[in-house]
């Protein structure tokens, strides 16, 4: 995966409060041991876990700050997933074009 895509996806997954930064998940560390498709699956699994967490909160207290934080995390995860998926599609398209140009 291209480093700029990884950096952009990590920006989506980093929450800044003016004083500090908090990573929802560290993609750089994960990318050292996982392929891009595995990263996407990990992010999708985390997205689903957040969904379940939010569903549980809605049943208990729909005014909770945790609800807002969970929804924000889900949005950030969806943006990172979209970036990586789009990048994977572009990589596959490039490989296809290179193969057809080499054979043609």
PDB file of N, CA and C in Angstrom:
ATOM      1  N   UNK A   1       0.851  -1.167   0.000  1.00  0.00           N
ATOM      2  CA  UNK A   1       0.000   0.000   0.000  1.00  0.00           C
ATOM      3  C   UNK A   1       0.899   1.232   0.000  1.00  0.00           C
ATOM      4  N   UNK A   2       0.468   2.245  -0.730  1.00  0.00           N
ATOM      5  CA  UNK A   2       1.237   3.474  -0.810  1.00  0.00           C
ATOM      6  C   UNK A   2       1.247   4.191   0.533  1.00  0.00           C
ATOM      7  N   UNK A   3       2.403   4.765   0.850  1.00  0.00           N
ATOM      8  CA  UNK A   3       2.563   5.417   2.153  1.00  0.00           C
ATOM      9  C   UNK A   3       1.614   6.598   2.332  1.00  0.00           C
ATOM     10  N   UNK A   4       1.356   7.359   1.251  1.00  0.00           N
ATOM     11  CA  UNK A   4       0.466   8.515   1.394  1.00  0.00           C
ATOM     12  C   UNK A   4      -0.968   8.096   1.707  1.00  0.00           C
ATOM     13  N   UNK A   5      -1.399   6.950   1.195  1.00  0.00           N
ATOM     14  CA  UNK A   5      -2.738   6.438   1.505  1.00  0.00           C
ATOM     15  C   UNK A   5      -2.801   6.023   2.976  1.00  0.00           C
ATOM     16  N   UNK A   6      -1.759   5.351   3.425  1.00  0.00           N
ATOM     17  CA  UNK A   6      -1.700   4.931   4.820  1.00  0.00           C
ATOM     18  C   UNK A   6      -1.703   6.152   5.752  1.00  0.00           C
ATOM     19  N   UNK A   7      -0.946   7.176   5.385  1.00  0.00           N
ATOM     20  CA  UNK A   7      -0.899   8.408   6.187  1.00  0.00           C
ATOM     21  C   UNK A   7      -2.255   9.098   6.220  1.00  0.00           C
ATOM     22  N   UNK A   8      -2.906   9.183   5.067  1.00  0.00           N
ATOM     23  CA  UNK A   8      -4.230   9.829   4.995  1.00  0.00           C
ATOM     24  C   UNK A   8      -5.272   9.045   5.793  1.00  0.00           C
ATOM     25  N   UNK A   9      -5.239   7.728   5.686  1.00  0.00           N
ATOM     26  CA  UNK A   9      -6.172   6.888   6.445  1.00  0.00           C
ATOM     27  C   UNK A   9      -5.912   7.030   7.943  1.00  0.00           C
ATOM     28  N   UNK A  10      -4.634   7.123   8.330  1.00  0.00           N
ATOM     29  CA  UNK A  10      -4.322   7.296   9.750  1.00  0.00           C
ATOM     30  C   UNK A  10      -4.822   8.644  10.255  1.00  0.00           C
ATOM     31  N   UNK A  11      -4.765   9.676   9.409  1.00  0.00           N
ATOM     32  CA  UNK A  11      -5.308  10.981   9.796  1.00  0.00           C
ATOM     33  C   UNK A  11      -6.803  10.878  10.112  1.00  0.00           C
ATOM     34  N   UNK A  12      -7.511  10.072   9.316  1.00  0.00           N
ATOM     35  CA  UNK A  12      -8.945   9.865   9.575  1.00  0.00           C
ATOM     36  C   UNK A  12      -9.167   9.206  10.928  1.00  0.00           C
ATOM     37  N   UNK A  13      -8.227   8.395  11.339  1.00  0.00           N
ATOM     38  CA  UNK A  13      -8.378   7.599  12.553  1.00  0.00           C
ATOM     39  C   UNK A  13      -7.698   8.214  13.769  1.00  0.00           C
ATOM     40  N   UNK A  14      -7.302   9.476  13.658  1.00  0.00           N
ATOM     41  CA  UNK A  14      -6.641  10.167  14.760  1.00  0.00           C
ATOM     42  C   UNK A  14      -7.527  11.308  15.237  1.00  0.00           C
ATOM     43  N   UNK A  15      -7.835  11.305  16.512  1.00  0.00           N
ATOM     44  CA  UNK A  15      -8.695  12.321  17.114  1.00  0.00           C
ATOM     45  C   UNK A  15      -7.804  13.318  17.847  1.00  0.00           C
ATOM     46  N   UNK A  16      -7.970  14.595  17.520  1.00  0.00           N
ATOM     47  CA  UNK A  16      -7.204  15.658  18.175  1.00  0.00           C
ATOM     48  C   UNK A  16      -8.161  16.491  19.010  1.00  0.00           C
ATOM     49  N   UNK A  17      -7.760  16.754  20.259  1.00  0.00           N
ATOM     50  CA  UNK A  17      -8.613  17.561  21.127  1.00  0.00           C
ATOM     51  C   UNK A  17      -7.982  18.914  21.452  1.00  0.00           C
ATOM     52  N   UNK A  18      -6.981  19.308  20.707  1.00  0.00           N
ATOM     53  CA  UNK A  18      -6.314  20.575  20.940  1.00  0.00           C
ATOM     54  C   UNK A  18      -5.076  20.436  21.799  1.00  0.00           C
ATOM     55  N   UNK A  19      -5.074  19.446  22.669  1.00  0.00           N
ATOM     56  CA  UNK A  19      -3.934  19.226  23.557  1.00  0.00           C
ATOM     57  C   UNK A  19      -3.189  17.955  23.169  1.00  0.00           C
ATOM     58  N   UNK A  20      -3.924  16.932  22.876  1.00  0.00           N
ATOM     59  CA  UNK A  20      -3.305  15.646  22.576  1.00  0.00           C
ATOM     60  C   UNK A  20      -3.981  14.992  21.377  1.00  0.00           C
ATOM     61  N   UNK A  21      -3.403  13.889  20.960  1.00  0.00           N
ATOM     62  CA  UNK A  21      -3.957  13.098  19.865  1.00  0.00           C
ATOM     63  C   UNK A  21      -4.213  11.682  20.371  1.00  0.00           C
ATOM     64  N   UNK A  22      -5.279  11.086  19.875  1.00  0.00           N
ATOM     65  CA  UNK A  22      -5.591   9.706  20.215  1.00  0.00           C
ATOM     66  C   UNK A  22      -5.894   8.957  18.925  1.00  0.00           C
ATOM     67  N   UNK A  23      -5.213   7.854  18.732  1.00  0.00           N
ATOM     68  CA  UNK A  23      -5.459   7.026  17.562  1.00  0.00           C
ATOM     69  C   UNK A  23      -6.531   5.998  17.893  1.00  0.00           C
ATOM     70  N   UNK A  24      -7.554   5.934  17.051  1.00  0.00           N
ATOM     71  CA  UNK A  24      -8.571   4.898  17.210  1.00  0.00           C
ATOM     72  C   UNK A  24      -7.910   3.541  17.026  1.00  0.00           C
ATOM     73  N   UNK A  25      -7.025   3.482  16.046  1.00  0.00           N
ATOM     74  CA  UNK A  25      -6.234   2.281  15.777  1.00  0.00           C
ATOM     75  C   UNK A  25      -4.974   2.733  15.051  1.00  0.00           C
ATOM     76  N   UNK A  26      -3.857   2.070  15.281  1.00  0.00           N
ATOM     77  CA  UNK A  26      -2.585   2.451  14.672  1.00  0.00           C
ATOM     78  C   UNK A  26      -2.373   1.652  13.380  1.00  0.00           C
ATOM     79  N   UNK A  27      -2.680   2.276  12.252  1.00  0.00           N
ATOM     80  CA  UNK A  27      -2.572   1.588  10.965  1.00  0.00           C
ATOM     81  C   UNK A  27      -1.126   1.296  10.585  1.00  0.00           C
ATOM     82  N   UNK A  28      -0.218   2.176  10.947  1.00  0.00           N
ATOM     83  CA  UNK A  28       1.190   1.963  10.593  1.00  0.00           C
ATOM     84  C   UNK A  28       1.697   0.677  11.232  1.00  0.00           C
ATOM     85  N   UNK A  29       1.405   0.507  12.503  1.00  0.00           N
ATOM     86  CA  UNK A  29       1.823  -0.720  13.181  1.00  0.00           C
ATOM     87  C   UNK A  29       1.148  -1.945  12.569  1.00  0.00           C
ATOM     88  N   UNK A  30      -0.140  -1.835  12.280  1.00  0.00           N
ATOM     89  CA  UNK A  30      -0.857  -2.968  11.678  1.00  0.00           C
ATOM     90  C   UNK A  30      -0.334  -3.295  10.283  1.00  0.00           C
ATOM     91  N   UNK A  31       0.016  -2.264   9.521  1.00  0.00           N
ATOM     92  CA  UNK A  31       0.450  -2.488   8.138  1.00  0.00           C
ATOM     93  C   UNK A  31       1.780  -3.223   8.053  1.00  0.00           C
ATOM     94  N   UNK A  32       2.541  -3.212   9.152  1.00  0.00           N
ATOM     95  CA  UNK A  32       3.817  -3.924   9.157  1.00  0.00           C
ATOM     96  C   UNK A  32       3.623  -5.435   9.141  1.00  0.00           C
ATOM     97  N   UNK A  33       2.489  -5.907   9.629  1.00  0.00           N
ATOM     98  CA  UNK A  33       2.254  -7.349   9.735  1.00  0.00           C
ATOM     99  C   UNK A  33       1.038  -7.846   8.964  1.00  0.00           C
ATOM    100  N   UNK A  34       0.338  -6.922   8.270  1.00  0.00           N
ATOM    101  CA  UNK A  34      -0.877  -7.320   7.573  1.00  0.00           C
ATOM    102  C   UNK A  34      -0.909  -6.738   6.166  1.00  0.00           C
ATOM    103  N   UNK A  35      -1.500  -7.490   5.255  1.00  0.00           N
ATOM    104  CA  UNK A  35      -1.711  -7.015   3.893  1.00  0.00           C
ATOM    105  C   UNK A  35      -2.868  -6.016   3.882  1.00  0.00           C
ATOM    106  N   UNK A  36      -2.957  -5.183   2.836  1.00  0.00           N
ATOM    107  CA  UNK A  36      -4.042  -4.192   2.769  1.00  0.00           C
ATOM    108  C   UNK A  36      -5.440  -4.791   2.918  1.00  0.00           C
ATOM    109  N   UNK A  37      -5.683  -5.931   2.304  1.00  0.00           N
ATOM    110  CA  UNK A  37      -7.011  -6.552   2.430  1.00  0.00           C
ATOM    111  C   UNK A  37      -7.299  -6.965   3.872  1.00  0.00           C
ATOM    112  N   UNK A  38      -6.261  -7.385   4.580  1.00  0.00           N
ATOM    113  CA  UNK A  38      -6.437  -7.727   5.996  1.00  0.00           C
ATOM    114  C   UNK A  38      -6.703  -6.473   6.830  1.00  0.00           C
ATOM    115  N   UNK A  39      -6.038  -5.362   6.481  1.00  0.00           N
ATOM    116  CA  UNK A  39      -6.291  -4.091   7.164  1.00  0.00           C
ATOM    117  C   UNK A  39      -7.748  -3.684   7.010  1.00  0.00           C
ATOM    118  N   UNK A  40      -8.253  -3.818   5.800  1.00  0.00           N
ATOM    119  CA  UNK A  40      -9.654  -3.478   5.537  1.00  0.00           C
ATOM    120  C   UNK A  40     -10.569  -4.337   6.407  1.00  0.00           C
ATOM    121  N   UNK A  41     -10.269  -5.624   6.496  1.00  0.00           N
ATOM    122  CA  UNK A  41     -11.106  -6.520   7.306  1.00  0.00           C
ATOM    123  C   UNK A  41     -11.044  -6.156   8.786  1.00  0.00           C
ATOM    124  N   UNK A  42      -9.863  -5.810   9.271  1.00  0.00           N
ATOM    125  CA  UNK A  42      -9.713  -5.407  10.674  1.00  0.00           C
ATOM    126  C   UNK A  42     -10.539  -4.152  10.939  1.00  0.00           C
ATOM    127  N   UNK A  43     -10.460  -3.178  10.039  1.00  0.00           N
ATOM    128  CA  UNK A  43     -11.223  -1.941  10.200  1.00  0.00           C
ATOM    129  C   UNK A  43     -12.728  -2.206  10.129  1.00  0.00           C
ATOM    130  N   UNK A  44     -13.140  -3.086   9.228  1.00  0.00           N
ATOM    131  CA  UNK A  44     -14.562  -3.436   9.122  1.00  0.00           C
ATOM    132  C   UNK A  44     -15.046  -4.141  10.390  1.00  0.00           C
ATOM    133  N   UNK A  45     -14.218  -5.010  10.946  1.00  0.00           N
ATOM    134  CA  UNK A  45     -14.575  -5.691  12.197  1.00  0.00           C
ATOM    135  C   UNK A  45     -14.716  -4.682  13.336  1.00  0.00           C
ATOM    136  N   UNK A  46     -13.791  -3.728  13.408  1.00  0.00           N
ATOM    137  CA  UNK A  46     -13.867  -2.697  14.441  1.00  0.00           C
ATOM    138  C   UNK A  46     -15.102  -1.825  14.250  1.00  0.00           C
ATOM    139  N   UNK A  47     -15.417  -1.517  12.993  1.00  0.00           N
ATOM    140  CA  UNK A  47     -16.622  -0.741  12.679  1.00  0.00           C
ATOM    141  C   UNK A  47     -17.863  -1.469  13.205  1.00  0.00           C
ATOM    142  N   UNK A  48     -17.916  -2.768  12.949  1.00  0.00           N
ATOM    143  CA  UNK A  48     -19.056  -3.570  13.397  1.00  0.00           C
ATOM    144  C   UNK A  48     -19.141  -3.594  14.928  1.00  0.00           C
ATOM    145  N   UNK A  49     -17.991  -3.725  15.596  1.00  0.00           N
ATOM    146  CA  UNK A  49     -17.983  -3.707  17.061  1.00  0.00           C
ATOM    147  C   UNK A  49     -18.512  -2.374  17.593  1.00  0.00           C
ATOM    148  N   UNK A  50     -18.118  -1.270  16.948  1.00  0.00           N
ATOM    149  CA  UNK A  50     -18.614   0.049  17.352  1.00  0.00           C
ATOM    150  C   UNK A  50     -20.119   0.129  17.142  1.00  0.00           C
ATOM    151  N   UNK A  51     -20.593  -0.455  16.044  1.00  0.00           N
ATOM    152  CA  UNK A  51     -22.032  -0.478  15.760  1.00  0.00           C
ATOM    153  C   UNK A  51     -22.792  -1.197  16.883  1.00  0.00           C
ATOM    154  N   UNK A  52     -22.282  -2.344  17.295  1.00  0.00           N
ATOM    155  CA  UNK A  52     -22.924  -3.095  18.375  1.00  0.00           C
ATOM    156  C   UNK A  52     -22.896  -2.300  19.682  1.00  0.00           C
ATOM    157  N   UNK A  53     -21.772  -1.640  19.945  1.00  0.00           N
ATOM    158  CA  UNK A  53     -21.627  -0.831  21.148  1.00  0.00           C
ATOM    159  C   UNK A  53     -22.656   0.300  21.157  1.00  0.00           C
ATOM    160  N   UNK A  54     -22.789   0.977  20.023  1.00  0.00           N
ATOM    161  CA  UNK A  54     -23.742   2.083  19.908  1.00  0.00           C
ATOM    162  C   UNK A  54     -25.177   1.580  20.058  1.00  0.00           C
ATOM    163  N   UNK A  55     -25.474   0.447  19.465  1.00  0.00           N
ATOM    164  CA  UNK A  55     -26.820  -0.122  19.593  1.00  0.00           C
ATOM    165  C   UNK A  55     -27.153  -0.386  21.049  1.00  0.00           C
ATOM    166  N   UNK A  56     -26.180  -0.896  21.799  1.00  0.00           N
ATOM    167  CA  UNK A  56     -26.388  -1.142  23.220  1.00  0.00           C
ATOM    168  C   UNK A  56     -26.597   0.154  23.991  1.00  0.00           C
ATOM    169  N   UNK A  57     -25.839   1.189  23.639  1.00  0.00           N
ATOM    170  CA  UNK A  57     -26.001   2.481  24.313  1.00  0.00           C
ATOM    171  C   UNK A  57     -27.365   3.097  24.041  1.00  0.00           C
ATOM    172  N   UNK A  58     -27.839   2.938  22.816  1.00  0.00           N
ATOM    173  CA  UNK A  58     -29.143   3.505  22.463  1.00  0.00           C
ATOM    174  C   UNK A  58     -30.265   2.912  23.303  1.00  0.00           C
ATOM    175  N   UNK A  59     -30.096   1.652  23.660  1.00  0.00           N
ATOM    176  CA  UNK A  59     -31.114   1.003  24.488  1.00  0.00           C
ATOM    177  C   UNK A  59     -31.076   1.501  25.930  1.00  0.00           C
ATOM    178  N   UNK A  60     -29.888   1.971  26.378  1.00  0.00           N
ATOM    179  CA  UNK A  60     -29.734   2.396  27.773  1.00  0.00           C
ATOM    180  C   UNK A  60     -29.870   3.905  27.945  1.00  0.00           C
ATOM    181  N   UNK A  61     -29.040   4.663  27.213  1.00  0.00           N
ATOM    182  CA  UNK A  61     -28.983   6.106  27.426  1.00  0.00           C
ATOM    183  C   UNK A  61     -28.591   6.780  26.117  1.00  0.00           C
ATOM    184  N   UNK A  62     -29.582   7.340  25.424  1.00  0.00           N
ATOM    185  CA  UNK A  62     -29.275   7.944  24.126  1.00  0.00           C
ATOM    186  C   UNK A  62     -28.715   9.361  24.249  1.00  0.00           C
ATOM    187  N   UNK A  63     -28.429   9.817  25.454  1.00  0.00           N
ATOM    188  CA  UNK A  63     -27.812  11.128  25.661  1.00  0.00           C
ATOM    189  C   UNK A  63     -26.359  11.020  26.107  1.00  0.00           C
ATOM    190  N   UNK A  64     -25.802   9.837  26.059  1.00  0.00           N
ATOM    191  CA  UNK A  64     -24.457   9.582  26.551  1.00  0.00           C
ATOM    192  C   UNK A  64     -23.391  10.190  25.637  1.00  0.00           C
ATOM    193  N   UNK A  65     -22.343  10.737  26.246  1.00  0.00           N
ATOM    194  CA  UNK A  65     -21.196  11.233  25.482  1.00  0.00           C
ATOM    195  C   UNK A  65     -20.507  10.075  24.769  1.00  0.00           C
ATOM    196  N   UNK A  66     -20.605   8.883  25.339  1.00  0.00           N
ATOM    197  CA  UNK A  66     -20.018   7.693  24.711  1.00  0.00           C
ATOM    198  C   UNK A  66     -20.703   7.399  23.374  1.00  0.00           C
ATOM    199  N   UNK A  67     -21.971   7.705  23.291  1.00  0.00           N
ATOM    200  CA  UNK A  67     -22.707   7.533  22.040  1.00  0.00           C
ATOM    201  C   UNK A  67     -22.126   8.446  20.961  1.00  0.00           C
ATOM    202  N   UNK A  68     -21.920   9.709  21.309  1.00  0.00           N
ATOM    203  CA  UNK A  68     -21.331  10.653  20.365  1.00  0.00           C
ATOM    204  C   UNK A  68     -19.934  10.219  19.937  1.00  0.00           C
ATOM    205  N   UNK A  69     -19.153   9.762  20.891  1.00  0.00           N
ATOM    206  CA  UNK A  69     -17.795   9.320  20.582  1.00  0.00           C
ATOM    207  C   UNK A  69     -17.818   8.084  19.679  1.00  0.00           C
ATOM    208  N   UNK A  70     -18.733   7.169  19.954  1.00  0.00           N
ATOM    209  CA  UNK A  70     -18.848   5.963  19.132  1.00  0.00           C
ATOM    210  C   UNK A  70     -19.260   6.276  17.709  1.00  0.00           C
ATOM    211  N   UNK A  71     -20.199   7.198  17.552  1.00  0.00           N
ATOM    212  CA  UNK A  71     -20.644   7.589  16.211  1.00  0.00           C
ATOM    213  C   UNK A  71     -19.500   8.268  15.466  1.00  0.00           C
ATOM    214  N   UNK A  72     -18.751   9.118  16.160  1.00  0.00           N
ATOM    215  CA  UNK A  72     -17.598   9.763  15.550  1.00  0.00           C
ATOM    216  C   UNK A  72     -16.557   8.751  15.108  1.00  0.00           C
ATOM    217  N   UNK A  73     -16.310   7.752  15.941  1.00  0.00           N
ATOM    218  CA  UNK A  73     -15.345   6.707  15.597  1.00  0.00           C
ATOM    219  C   UNK A  73     -15.819   5.909  14.384  1.00  0.00           C
ATOM    220  N   UNK A  74     -17.114   5.613  14.338  1.00  0.00           N
ATOM    221  CA  UNK A  74     -17.641   4.883  13.177  1.00  0.00           C
ATOM    222  C   UNK A  74     -17.460   5.683  11.892  1.00  0.00           C
ATOM    223  N   UNK A  75     -17.725   6.979  11.951  1.00  0.00           N
ATOM    224  CA  UNK A  75     -17.545   7.822  10.769  1.00  0.00           C
ATOM    225  C   UNK A  75     -16.084   7.818  10.335  1.00  0.00           C
ATOM    226  N   UNK A  76     -15.183   7.974  11.283  1.00  0.00           N
ATOM    227  CA  UNK A  76     -13.751   7.981  10.962  1.00  0.00           C
ATOM    228  C   UNK A  76     -13.309   6.640  10.374  1.00  0.00           C
ATOM    229  N   UNK A  77     -13.806   5.561  10.940  1.00  0.00           N
ATOM    230  CA  UNK A  77     -13.487   4.236  10.406  1.00  0.00           C
ATOM    231  C   UNK A  77     -13.998   4.080   8.979  1.00  0.00           C
ATOM    232  N   UNK A  78     -15.209   4.552   8.727  1.00  0.00           N
ATOM    233  CA  UNK A  78     -15.771   4.420   7.372  1.00  0.00           C
ATOM    234  C   UNK A  78     -14.942   5.208   6.361  1.00  0.00           C
ATOM    235  N   UNK A  79     -14.435   6.367   6.760  1.00  0.00           N
ATOM    236  CA  UNK A  79     -13.606   7.162   5.859  1.00  0.00           C
ATOM    237  C   UNK A  79     -12.282   6.452   5.556  1.00  0.00           C
ATOM    238  N   UNK A  80     -11.659   5.882   6.573  1.00  0.00           N
ATOM    239  CA  UNK A  80     -10.406   5.156   6.381  1.00  0.00           C
ATOM    240  C   UNK A  80     -10.617   3.920   5.508  1.00  0.00           C
ATOM    241  N   UNK A  81     -11.698   3.205   5.745  1.00  0.00           N
ATOM    242  CA  UNK A  81     -12.011   2.019   4.937  1.00  0.00           C
ATOM    243  C   UNK A  81     -12.189   2.417   3.480  1.00  0.00           C
ATOM    244  N   UNK A  82     -12.928   3.495   3.234  1.00  0.00           N
ATOM    245  CA  UNK A  82     -13.161   3.955   1.863  1.00  0.00           C
ATOM    246  C   UNK A  82     -11.844   4.320   1.187  1.00  0.00           C
ATOM    247  N   UNK A  83     -10.978   5.031   1.880  1.00  0.00           N
ATOM    248  CA  UNK A  83      -9.686   5.416   1.310  1.00  0.00           C
ATOM    249  C   UNK A  83      -8.860   4.199   0.907  1.00  0.00           C
ATOM    250  N   UNK A  84      -8.780   3.233   1.802  1.00  0.00           N
ATOM    251  CA  UNK A  84      -7.961   2.049   1.521  1.00  0.00           C
ATOM    252  C   UNK A  84      -8.583   1.216   0.405  1.00  0.00           C
ATOM    253  N   UNK A  85      -9.907   1.057   0.427  1.00  0.00           N
ATOM    254  CA  UNK A  85     -10.570   0.299  -0.645  1.00  0.00           C
ATOM    255  C   UNK A  85     -10.372   0.967  -1.999  1.00  0.00           C
ATOM    256  N   UNK A  86     -10.532   2.286  -2.050  1.00  0.00           N
ATOM    257  CA  UNK A  86     -10.328   3.009  -3.310  1.00  0.00           C
ATOM    258  C   UNK A  86      -8.893   2.851  -3.795  1.00  0.00           C
ATOM    259  N   UNK A  87      -7.951   2.888  -2.872  1.00  0.00           N
ATOM    260  CA  UNK A  87      -6.543   2.716  -3.216  1.00  0.00           C
ATOM    261  C   UNK A  87      -6.288   1.321  -3.774  1.00  0.00           C
ATOM    262  N   UNK A  88      -6.887   0.312  -3.152  1.00  0.00           N
ATOM    263  CA  UNK A  88      -6.730  -1.072  -3.630  1.00  0.00           C
ATOM    264  C   UNK A  88      -7.289  -1.218  -5.038  1.00  0.00           C
ATOM    265  N   UNK A  89      -8.432  -0.580  -5.304  1.00  0.00           N
ATOM    266  CA  UNK A  89      -9.029  -0.643  -6.633  1.00  0.00           C
ATOM    267  C   UNK A  89      -8.105   0.001  -7.657  1.00  0.00           C
ATOM    268  N   UNK A  90      -7.520   1.148  -7.305  1.00  0.00           N
ATOM    269  CA  UNK A  90      -6.586   1.822  -8.211  1.00  0.00           C
ATOM    270  C   UNK A  90      -5.351   0.964  -8.458  1.00  0.00           C
ATOM    271  N   UNK A  91      -4.844   0.301  -7.422  1.00  0.00           N
ATOM    272  CA  UNK A  91      -3.688  -0.583  -7.576  1.00  0.00           C
ATOM    273  C   UNK A  91      -3.992  -1.730  -8.533  1.00  0.00           C
ATOM    274  N   UNK A  92      -5.167  -2.321  -8.385  1.00  0.00           N
ATOM    275  CA  UNK A  92      -5.568  -3.435  -9.241  1.00  0.00           C
ATOM    276  C   UNK A  92      -5.724  -2.959 -10.681  1.00  0.00           C
ATOM    277  N   UNK A  93      -6.339  -1.774 -10.871  1.00  0.00           N
ATOM    278  CA  UNK A  93      -6.493  -1.210 -12.215  1.00  0.00           C
ATOM    279  C   UNK A  93      -5.137  -0.945 -12.857  1.00  0.00           C
ATOM    280  N   UNK A  94      -4.188  -0.422 -12.085  1.00  0.00           N
ATOM    281  CA  UNK A  94      -2.836  -0.159 -12.606  1.00  0.00           C
ATOM    282  C   UNK A  94      -2.158  -1.449 -13.018  1.00  0.00           C
ATOM    283  N   UNK A  95      -2.269  -2.474 -12.200  1.00  0.00           N
ATOM    284  CA  UNK A  95      -1.653  -3.763 -12.515  1.00  0.00           C
ATOM    285  C   UNK A  95      -2.255  -4.340 -13.792  1.00  0.00           C
ATOM    286  N   UNK A  96      -3.565  -4.226 -13.940  1.00  0.00           N
ATOM    287  CA  UNK A  96      -4.229  -4.726 -15.133  1.00  0.00           C
ATOM    288  C   UNK A  96      -3.739  -3.984 -16.376  1.00  0.00           C
ATOM    289  N   UNK A  97      -3.657  -2.664 -16.282  1.00  0.00           N
ATOM    290  CA  UNK A  97      -3.185  -1.867 -17.417  1.00  0.00           C
ATOM    291  C   UNK A  97      -1.747  -2.211 -17.774  1.00  0.00           C
ATOM    292  N   UNK A  98      -0.911  -2.432 -16.789  1.00  0.00           N
ATOM    293  CA  UNK A  98       0.479  -2.790 -17.050  1.00  0.00           C
ATOM    294  C   UNK A  98       0.585  -4.150 -17.732  1.00  0.00           C
ATOM    295  N   UNK A  99      -0.223  -5.082 -17.292  1.00  0.00           N
ATOM    296  CA  UNK A  99      -0.204  -6.424 -17.886  1.00  0.00           C
ATOM    297  C   UNK A  99      -0.705  -6.403 -19.319  1.00  0.00           C
ATOM    298  N   UNK A 100      -1.775  -5.651 -19.569  1.00  0.00           N
ATOM    299  CA  UNK A 100      -2.298  -5.594 -20.930  1.00  0.00           C
ATOM    300  C   UNK A 100      -1.356  -4.830 -21.850  1.00  0.00           C
ATOM    301  N   UNK A 101      -0.674  -3.806 -21.351  1.00  0.00           N
ATOM    302  CA  UNK A 101       0.288  -3.058 -22.158  1.00  0.00           C
ATOM    303  C   UNK A 101       1.503  -3.924 -22.474  1.00  0.00           C
ATOM    304  N   UNK A 102       1.934  -4.740 -21.515  1.00  0.00           N
ATOM    305  CA  UNK A 102       3.094  -5.609 -21.714  1.00  0.00           C
ATOM    306  C   UNK A 102       2.783  -6.738 -22.695  1.00  0.00           C
ATOM    307  N   UNK A 103       1.556  -7.205 -22.702  1.00  0.00           N
ATOM    308  CA  UNK A 103       1.200  -8.322 -23.575  1.00  0.00           C
ATOM    309  C   UNK A 103       0.773  -7.856 -24.966  1.00  0.00           C
ATOM    310  N   UNK A 104       0.430  -6.583 -25.094  1.00  0.00           N
ATOM    311  CA  UNK A 104      -0.116  -6.073 -26.335  1.00  0.00           C
ATOM    312  C   UNK A 104       0.889  -5.497 -27.224  1.00  0.00           C
TER     313      UNK A 104
END
